[in-house]
């Protein structure tokens, strides 16, 4: 779902009172997004929360559960393989 928004222009243009002027609403990234994953859903949270935040231009701090460290480790390896910093 979110992958389709990556290459779309950001913002919505609307006409102003029938004139030739256009208002543009520009979407801005939040900056840094913090995501805390539960022990029973670390891979699902990583896929459904981290990817859209990165696609929107945000930096992500991902804190996995200490009860499921291997899933988070593998997710980090996949991010490095994909070329993410």
PDB file of N, CA and C in Angstrom:
ATOM      1  N   UNK A   1       0.814  -1.187   0.000  1.00  0.00           N
ATOM      2  CA  UNK A   1       0.000   0.000   0.000  1.00  0.00           C
ATOM      3  C   UNK A   1       0.863   1.258   0.000  1.00  0.00           C
ATOM      4  N   UNK A   2       1.791   1.360   0.941  1.00  0.00           N
ATOM      5  CA  UNK A   2       2.590   2.574   1.062  1.00  0.00           C
ATOM      6  C   UNK A   2       3.629   2.702  -0.040  1.00  0.00           C
ATOM      7  N   UNK A   3       4.026   1.595  -0.637  1.00  0.00           N
ATOM      8  CA  UNK A   3       5.032   1.659  -1.699  1.00  0.00           C
ATOM      9  C   UNK A   3       4.519   2.452  -2.891  1.00  0.00           C
ATOM     10  N   UNK A   4       3.234   2.503  -3.103  1.00  0.00           N
ATOM     11  CA  UNK A   4       2.672   3.260  -4.209  1.00  0.00           C
ATOM     12  C   UNK A   4       2.765   4.759  -4.031  1.00  0.00           C
ATOM     13  N   UNK A   5       2.963   5.234  -2.811  1.00  0.00           N
ATOM     14  CA  UNK A   5       3.039   6.665  -2.549  1.00  0.00           C
ATOM     15  C   UNK A   5       4.440   7.240  -2.696  1.00  0.00           C
ATOM     16  N   UNK A   6       5.447   6.398  -2.805  1.00  0.00           N
ATOM     17  CA  UNK A   6       6.827   6.874  -2.809  1.00  0.00           C
ATOM     18  C   UNK A   6       7.118   7.774  -3.996  1.00  0.00           C
ATOM     19  N   UNK A   7       6.673   7.403  -5.187  1.00  0.00           N
ATOM     20  CA  UNK A   7       7.007   8.187  -6.374  1.00  0.00           C
ATOM     21  C   UNK A   7       5.920   9.191  -6.764  1.00  0.00           C
ATOM     22  N   UNK A   8       4.903   9.353  -5.947  1.00  0.00           N
ATOM     23  CA  UNK A   8       3.840  10.308  -6.243  1.00  0.00           C
ATOM     24  C   UNK A   8       4.253  11.709  -5.785  1.00  0.00           C
ATOM     25  N   UNK A   9       3.779  12.741  -6.482  1.00  0.00           N
ATOM     26  CA  UNK A   9       4.084  14.097  -6.016  1.00  0.00           C
ATOM     27  C   UNK A   9       3.442  14.342  -4.656  1.00  0.00           C
ATOM     28  N   UNK A  10       4.165  15.045  -3.810  1.00  0.00           N
ATOM     29  CA  UNK A  10       3.675  15.316  -2.464  1.00  0.00           C
ATOM     30  C   UNK A  10       2.863  16.599  -2.483  1.00  0.00           C
ATOM     31  N   UNK A  11       1.697  16.564  -1.903  1.00  0.00           N
ATOM     32  CA  UNK A  11       0.882  17.754  -1.789  1.00  0.00           C
ATOM     33  C   UNK A  11      -0.406  17.645  -2.574  1.00  0.00           C
ATOM     34  N   UNK A  12      -1.315  18.530  -2.270  1.00  0.00           N
ATOM     35  CA  UNK A  12      -2.616  18.572  -2.917  1.00  0.00           C
ATOM     36  C   UNK A  12      -2.841  19.990  -3.404  1.00  0.00           C
ATOM     37  N   UNK A  13      -3.254  20.150  -4.645  1.00  0.00           N
ATOM     38  CA  UNK A  13      -3.541  21.496  -5.144  1.00  0.00           C
ATOM     39  C   UNK A  13      -5.047  21.682  -5.259  1.00  0.00           C
ATOM     40  N   UNK A  14      -5.509  22.852  -4.856  1.00  0.00           N
ATOM     41  CA  UNK A  14      -6.930  23.170  -4.918  1.00  0.00           C
ATOM     42  C   UNK A  14      -7.102  24.564  -5.493  1.00  0.00           C
ATOM     43  N   UNK A  15      -8.121  24.784  -6.329  1.00  0.00           N
ATOM     44  CA  UNK A  15      -8.358  26.126  -6.853  1.00  0.00           C
ATOM     45  C   UNK A  15      -8.868  27.059  -5.752  1.00  0.00           C
ATOM     46  N   UNK A  16      -8.594  28.345  -5.913  1.00  0.00           N
ATOM     47  CA  UNK A  16      -8.975  29.334  -4.913  1.00  0.00           C
ATOM     48  C   UNK A  16     -10.086  30.214  -5.479  1.00  0.00           C
ATOM     49  N   UNK A  17     -11.276  30.077  -4.964  1.00  0.00           N
ATOM     50  CA  UNK A  17     -12.412  30.949  -5.302  1.00  0.00           C
ATOM     51  C   UNK A  17     -12.604  31.145  -6.798  1.00  0.00           C
ATOM     52  N   UNK A  18     -12.399  30.137  -7.595  1.00  0.00           N
ATOM     53  CA  UNK A  18     -12.632  30.237  -9.026  1.00  0.00           C
ATOM     54  C   UNK A  18     -11.591  31.032  -9.791  1.00  0.00           C
ATOM     55  N   UNK A  19     -10.542  31.514  -9.140  1.00  0.00           N
ATOM     56  CA  UNK A  19      -9.506  32.268  -9.851  1.00  0.00           C
ATOM     57  C   UNK A  19      -8.470  31.303 -10.417  1.00  0.00           C
ATOM     58  N   UNK A  20      -7.464  31.850 -11.042  1.00  0.00           N
ATOM     59  CA  UNK A  20      -6.411  31.019 -11.620  1.00  0.00           C
ATOM     60  C   UNK A  20      -5.300  30.711 -10.620  1.00  0.00           C
ATOM     61  N   UNK A  21      -5.404  31.226  -9.395  1.00  0.00           N
ATOM     62  CA  UNK A  21      -4.426  30.921  -8.356  1.00  0.00           C
ATOM     63  C   UNK A  21      -4.680  29.512  -7.823  1.00  0.00           C
ATOM     64  N   UNK A  22      -3.637  28.888  -7.331  1.00  0.00           N
ATOM     65  CA  UNK A  22      -3.748  27.535  -6.788  1.00  0.00           C
ATOM     66  C   UNK A  22      -3.109  27.508  -5.408  1.00  0.00           C
ATOM     67  N   UNK A  23      -3.805  26.930  -4.450  1.00  0.00           N
ATOM     68  CA  UNK A  23      -3.224  26.655  -3.139  1.00  0.00           C
ATOM     69  C   UNK A  23      -2.574  25.286  -3.193  1.00  0.00           C
ATOM     70  N   UNK A  24      -1.403  25.169  -2.605  1.00  0.00           N
ATOM     71  CA  UNK A  24      -0.706  23.888  -2.575  1.00  0.00           C
ATOM     72  C   UNK A  24      -0.445  23.502  -1.131  1.00  0.00           C
ATOM     73  N   UNK A  25      -0.900  22.327  -0.761  1.00  0.00           N
ATOM     74  CA  UNK A  25      -0.620  21.781   0.564  1.00  0.00           C
ATOM     75  C   UNK A  25       0.562  20.847   0.404  1.00  0.00           C
ATOM     76  N   UNK A  26       1.680  21.195   1.009  1.00  0.00           N
ATOM     77  CA  UNK A  26       2.896  20.396   0.868  1.00  0.00           C
ATOM     78  C   UNK A  26       3.085  19.524   2.101  1.00  0.00           C
ATOM     79  N   UNK A  27       3.290  18.251   1.882  1.00  0.00           N
ATOM     80  CA  UNK A  27       3.513  17.311   2.979  1.00  0.00           C
ATOM     81  C   UNK A  27       5.001  17.314   3.345  1.00  0.00           C
ATOM     82  N   UNK A  28       5.291  17.403   4.640  1.00  0.00           N
ATOM     83  CA  UNK A  28       6.659  17.428   5.134  1.00  0.00           C
ATOM     84  C   UNK A  28       6.891  16.207   6.028  1.00  0.00           C
ATOM     85  N   UNK A  29       8.089  15.622   5.971  1.00  0.00           N
ATOM     86  CA  UNK A  29       8.388  14.526   6.904  1.00  0.00           C
ATOM     87  C   UNK A  29       8.434  15.039   8.344  1.00  0.00           C
ATOM     88  N   UNK A  30       8.167  14.163   9.293  1.00  0.00           N
ATOM     89  CA  UNK A  30       8.211  14.533  10.705  1.00  0.00           C
ATOM     90  C   UNK A  30       9.638  14.743  11.188  1.00  0.00           C
ATOM     91  N   UNK A  31      10.573  14.016  10.656  1.00  0.00           N
ATOM     92  CA  UNK A  31      11.952  14.074  11.126  1.00  0.00           C
ATOM     93  C   UNK A  31      12.378  12.702  11.600  1.00  0.00           C
ATOM     94  N   UNK A  32      12.303  12.477  12.906  1.00  0.00           N
ATOM     95  CA  UNK A  32      12.686  11.181  13.473  1.00  0.00           C
ATOM     96  C   UNK A  32      11.434  10.502  14.017  1.00  0.00           C
ATOM     97  N   UNK A  33      11.239   9.252  13.638  1.00  0.00           N
ATOM     98  CA  UNK A  33      10.099   8.464  14.095  1.00  0.00           C
ATOM     99  C   UNK A  33      10.629   7.358  14.997  1.00  0.00           C
ATOM    100  N   UNK A  34      10.105   7.264  16.204  1.00  0.00           N
ATOM    101  CA  UNK A  34      10.486   6.205  17.131  1.00  0.00           C
ATOM    102  C   UNK A  34       9.462   5.084  17.100  1.00  0.00           C
ATOM    103  N   UNK A  35       9.930   3.847  16.945  1.00  0.00           N
ATOM    104  CA  UNK A  35       9.036   2.692  16.875  1.00  0.00           C
ATOM    105  C   UNK A  35       9.497   1.667  17.904  1.00  0.00           C
ATOM    106  N   UNK A  36       8.587   1.266  18.786  1.00  0.00           N
ATOM    107  CA  UNK A  36       8.883   0.265  19.808  1.00  0.00           C
ATOM    108  C   UNK A  36       8.087  -0.986  19.459  1.00  0.00           C
ATOM    109  N   UNK A  37       8.790  -2.083  19.238  1.00  0.00           N
ATOM    110  CA  UNK A  37       8.144  -3.326  18.803  1.00  0.00           C
ATOM    111  C   UNK A  37       7.903  -4.260  19.985  1.00  0.00           C
ATOM    112  N   UNK A  38       6.766  -4.943  20.006  1.00  0.00           N
ATOM    113  CA  UNK A  38       6.511  -5.936  21.050  1.00  0.00           C
ATOM    114  C   UNK A  38       7.271  -7.228  20.768  1.00  0.00           C
ATOM    115  N   UNK A  39       7.370  -8.090  21.749  1.00  0.00           N
ATOM    116  CA  UNK A  39       8.134  -9.332  21.583  1.00  0.00           C
ATOM    117  C   UNK A  39       7.472 -10.270  20.589  1.00  0.00           C
ATOM    118  N   UNK A  40       6.155 -10.210  20.466  1.00  0.00           N
ATOM    119  CA  UNK A  40       5.460 -11.170  19.613  1.00  0.00           C
ATOM    120  C   UNK A  40       5.162 -10.638  18.218  1.00  0.00           C
ATOM    121  N   UNK A  41       5.690  -9.482  17.863  1.00  0.00           N
ATOM    122  CA  UNK A  41       5.377  -8.961  16.539  1.00  0.00           C
ATOM    123  C   UNK A  41       6.467  -8.111  15.938  1.00  0.00           C
ATOM    124  N   UNK A  42       7.711  -8.362  16.307  1.00  0.00           N
ATOM    125  CA  UNK A  42       8.801  -7.521  15.810  1.00  0.00           C
ATOM    126  C   UNK A  42       8.903  -7.509  14.284  1.00  0.00           C
ATOM    127  N   UNK A  43       8.859  -8.644  13.591  1.00  0.00           N
ATOM    128  CA  UNK A  43       8.937  -8.583  12.123  1.00  0.00           C
ATOM    129  C   UNK A  43       7.742  -7.871  11.495  1.00  0.00           C
ATOM    130  N   UNK A  44       6.558  -8.084  12.047  1.00  0.00           N
ATOM    131  CA  UNK A  44       5.367  -7.429  11.497  1.00  0.00           C
ATOM    132  C   UNK A  44       5.427  -5.925  11.713  1.00  0.00           C
ATOM    133  N   UNK A  45       5.865  -5.498  12.882  1.00  0.00           N
ATOM    134  CA  UNK A  45       5.985  -4.065  13.156  1.00  0.00           C
ATOM    135  C   UNK A  45       7.055  -3.454  12.272  1.00  0.00           C
ATOM    136  N   UNK A  46       8.149  -4.161  12.093  1.00  0.00           N
ATOM    137  CA  UNK A  46       9.221  -3.647  11.241  1.00  0.00           C
ATOM    138  C   UNK A  46       8.725  -3.434   9.821  1.00  0.00           C
ATOM    139  N   UNK A  47       7.977  -4.374   9.308  1.00  0.00           N
ATOM    140  CA  UNK A  47       7.496  -4.262   7.928  1.00  0.00           C
ATOM    141  C   UNK A  47       6.405  -3.215   7.791  1.00  0.00           C
ATOM    142  N   UNK A  48       5.509  -3.135   8.759  1.00  0.00           N
ATOM    143  CA  UNK A  48       4.351  -2.259   8.599  1.00  0.00           C
ATOM    144  C   UNK A  48       4.558  -0.844   9.116  1.00  0.00           C
ATOM    145  N   UNK A  49       5.579  -0.594   9.908  1.00  0.00           N
ATOM    146  CA  UNK A  49       5.798   0.749  10.461  1.00  0.00           C
ATOM    147  C   UNK A  49       7.082   1.400   9.965  1.00  0.00           C
ATOM    148  N   UNK A  50       8.149   0.644   9.899  1.00  0.00           N
ATOM    149  CA  UNK A  50       9.434   1.220   9.509  1.00  0.00           C
ATOM    150  C   UNK A  50       9.438   1.606   8.033  1.00  0.00           C
ATOM    151  N   UNK A  51       8.954   0.737   7.173  1.00  0.00           N
ATOM    152  CA  UNK A  51       8.990   1.005   5.732  1.00  0.00           C
ATOM    153  C   UNK A  51       8.214   2.261   5.335  1.00  0.00           C
ATOM    154  N   UNK A  52       6.975   2.467   5.803  1.00  0.00           N
ATOM    155  CA  UNK A  52       6.279   3.703   5.428  1.00  0.00           C
ATOM    156  C   UNK A  52       6.953   4.961   5.967  1.00  0.00           C
ATOM    157  N   UNK A  53       7.517   4.862   7.180  1.00  0.00           N
ATOM    158  CA  UNK A  53       8.202   6.029   7.738  1.00  0.00           C
ATOM    159  C   UNK A  53       9.423   6.392   6.900  1.00  0.00           C
ATOM    160  N   UNK A  54      10.176   5.393   6.464  1.00  0.00           N
ATOM    161  CA  UNK A  54      11.328   5.656   5.602  1.00  0.00           C
ATOM    162  C   UNK A  54      10.890   6.179   4.241  1.00  0.00           C
ATOM    163  N   UNK A  55       9.814   5.639   3.699  1.00  0.00           N
ATOM    164  CA  UNK A  55       9.323   6.082   2.395  1.00  0.00           C
ATOM    165  C   UNK A  55       8.859   7.530   2.433  1.00  0.00           C
ATOM    166  N   UNK A  56       8.391   7.992   3.580  1.00  0.00           N
ATOM    167  CA  UNK A  56       7.943   9.375   3.718  1.00  0.00           C
ATOM    168  C   UNK A  56       9.099  10.335   3.948  1.00  0.00           C
ATOM    169  N   UNK A  57      10.314   9.816   4.066  1.00  0.00           N
ATOM    170  CA  UNK A  57      11.475  10.682   4.230  1.00  0.00           C
ATOM    171  C   UNK A  57      11.906  10.896   5.664  1.00  0.00           C
ATOM    172  N   UNK A  58      11.400  10.102   6.576  1.00  0.00           N
ATOM    173  CA  UNK A  58      11.754  10.239   7.984  1.00  0.00           C
ATOM    174  C   UNK A  58      12.941   9.352   8.338  1.00  0.00           C
ATOM    175  N   UNK A  59      13.645   9.729   9.383  1.00  0.00           N
ATOM    176  CA  UNK A  59      14.635   8.842   9.988  1.00  0.00           C
ATOM    177  C   UNK A  59      13.890   7.981  11.012  1.00  0.00           C
ATOM    178  N   UNK A  60      14.353   6.756  11.220  1.00  0.00           N
ATOM    179  CA  UNK A  60      13.645   5.825  12.103  1.00  0.00           C
ATOM    180  C   UNK A  60      14.588   5.308  13.177  1.00  0.00           C
ATOM    181  N   UNK A  61      14.113   5.340  14.424  1.00  0.00           N
ATOM    182  CA  UNK A  61      14.780   4.668  15.534  1.00  0.00           C
ATOM    183  C   UNK A  61      13.878   3.500  15.910  1.00  0.00           C
ATOM    184  N   UNK A  62      14.382   2.288  15.696  1.00  0.00           N
ATOM    185  CA  UNK A  62      13.598   1.070  15.925  1.00  0.00           C
ATOM    186  C   UNK A  62      14.126   0.379  17.166  1.00  0.00           C
ATOM    187  N   UNK A  63      13.278   0.241  18.194  1.00  0.00           N
ATOM    188  CA  UNK A  63      13.670  -0.413  19.439  1.00  0.00           C
ATOM    189  C   UNK A  63      12.904  -1.730  19.548  1.00  0.00           C
ATOM    190  N   UNK A  64      13.571  -2.844  19.268  1.00  0.00           N
ATOM    191  CA  UNK A  64      12.890  -4.139  19.380  1.00  0.00           C
ATOM    192  C   UNK A  64      12.825  -4.596  20.838  1.00  0.00           C
ATOM    193  N   UNK A  65      12.012  -5.588  21.071  1.00  0.00           N
ATOM    194  CA  UNK A  65      11.916  -6.172  22.400  1.00  0.00           C
ATOM    195  C   UNK A  65      13.189  -6.948  22.719  1.00  0.00           C
ATOM    196  N   UNK A  66      13.594  -6.899  23.967  1.00  0.00           N
ATOM    197  CA  UNK A  66      14.765  -7.682  24.382  1.00  0.00           C
ATOM    198  C   UNK A  66      14.452  -9.172  24.432  1.00  0.00           C
ATOM    199  N   UNK A  67      13.177  -9.536  24.325  1.00  0.00           N
ATOM    200  CA  UNK A  67      12.787 -10.943  24.325  1.00  0.00           C
ATOM    201  C   UNK A  67      12.844 -11.572  22.934  1.00  0.00           C
ATOM    202  N   UNK A  68      12.995 -10.761  21.901  1.00  0.00           N
ATOM    203  CA  UNK A  68      13.053 -11.279  20.526  1.00  0.00           C
ATOM    204  C   UNK A  68      14.168 -10.577  19.754  1.00  0.00           C
ATOM    205  N   UNK A  69      15.420 -10.743  20.186  1.00  0.00           N
ATOM    206  CA  UNK A  69      16.502  -9.996  19.543  1.00  0.00           C
ATOM    207  C   UNK A  69      16.896 -10.519  18.163  1.00  0.00           C
ATOM    208  N   UNK A  70      16.683 -11.800  17.882  1.00  0.00           N
ATOM    209  CA  UNK A  70      17.136 -12.346  16.604  1.00  0.00           C
ATOM    210  C   UNK A  70      16.339 -11.808  15.423  1.00  0.00           C
ATOM    211  N   UNK A  71      15.056 -11.588  15.614  1.00  0.00           N
ATOM    212  CA  UNK A  71      14.239 -11.021  14.535  1.00  0.00           C
ATOM    213  C   UNK A  71      14.704  -9.608  14.212  1.00  0.00           C
ATOM    214  N   UNK A  72      15.014  -8.830  15.234  1.00  0.00           N
ATOM    215  CA  UNK A  72      15.492  -7.467  15.014  1.00  0.00           C
ATOM    216  C   UNK A  72      16.879  -7.470  14.379  1.00  0.00           C
ATOM    217  N   UNK A  73      17.715  -8.403  14.776  1.00  0.00           N
ATOM    218  CA  UNK A  73      19.044  -8.509  14.182  1.00  0.00           C
ATOM    219  C   UNK A  73      18.943  -8.827  12.697  1.00  0.00           C
ATOM    220  N   UNK A  74      18.074  -9.737  12.351  1.00  0.00           N
ATOM    221  CA  UNK A  74      17.883 -10.081  10.931  1.00  0.00           C
ATOM    222  C   UNK A  74      17.309  -8.897  10.153  1.00  0.00           C
ATOM    223  N   UNK A  75      16.399  -8.160  10.760  1.00  0.00           N
ATOM    224  CA  UNK A  75      15.840  -6.975  10.111  1.00  0.00           C
ATOM    225  C   UNK A  75      16.942  -5.941   9.851  1.00  0.00           C
ATOM    226  N   UNK A  76      17.831  -5.760  10.804  1.00  0.00           N
ATOM    227  CA  UNK A  76      18.957  -4.848  10.607  1.00  0.00           C
ATOM    228  C   UNK A  76      19.877  -5.306   9.491  1.00  0.00           C
ATOM    229  N   UNK A  77      20.129  -6.606   9.413  1.00  0.00           N
ATOM    230  CA  UNK A  77      20.956  -7.140   8.325  1.00  0.00           C
ATOM    231  C   UNK A  77      20.308  -6.894   6.968  1.00  0.00           C
ATOM    232  N   UNK A  78      18.991  -7.078   6.893  1.00  0.00           N
ATOM    233  CA  UNK A  78      18.278  -6.838   5.635  1.00  0.00           C
ATOM    234  C   UNK A  78      18.318  -5.362   5.241  1.00  0.00           C
ATOM    235  N   UNK A  79      18.241  -4.480   6.228  1.00  0.00           N
ATOM    236  CA  UNK A  79      18.337  -3.039   5.937  1.00  0.00           C
ATOM    237  C   UNK A  79      19.711  -2.690   5.379  1.00  0.00           C
ATOM    238  N   UNK A  80      20.750  -3.279   5.936  1.00  0.00           N
ATOM    239  CA  UNK A  80      22.105  -3.024   5.436  1.00  0.00           C
ATOM    240  C   UNK A  80      22.260  -3.577   4.027  1.00  0.00           C
ATOM    241  N   UNK A  81      21.729  -4.780   3.781  1.00  0.00           N
ATOM    242  CA  UNK A  81      21.777  -5.357   2.431  1.00  0.00           C
ATOM    243  C   UNK A  81      21.046  -4.489   1.416  1.00  0.00           C
ATOM    244  N   UNK A  82      19.971  -3.840   1.857  1.00  0.00           N
ATOM    245  CA  UNK A  82      19.183  -2.991   0.956  1.00  0.00           C
ATOM    246  C   UNK A  82      19.843  -1.640   0.714  1.00  0.00           C
ATOM    247  N   UNK A  83      20.904  -1.335   1.461  1.00  0.00           N
ATOM    248  CA  UNK A  83      21.609  -0.078   1.256  1.00  0.00           C
ATOM    249  C   UNK A  83      21.154   1.060   2.150  1.00  0.00           C
ATOM    250  N   UNK A  84      20.377   0.750   3.177  1.00  0.00           N
ATOM    251  CA  UNK A  84      19.962   1.800   4.104  1.00  0.00           C
ATOM    252  C   UNK A  84      21.113   2.127   5.043  1.00  0.00           C
ATOM    253  N   UNK A  85      21.255   3.391   5.410  1.00  0.00           N
ATOM    254  CA  UNK A  85      22.353   3.752   6.332  1.00  0.00           C
ATOM    255  C   UNK A  85      22.080   3.304   7.757  1.00  0.00           C
TER     256      UNK A  85
END
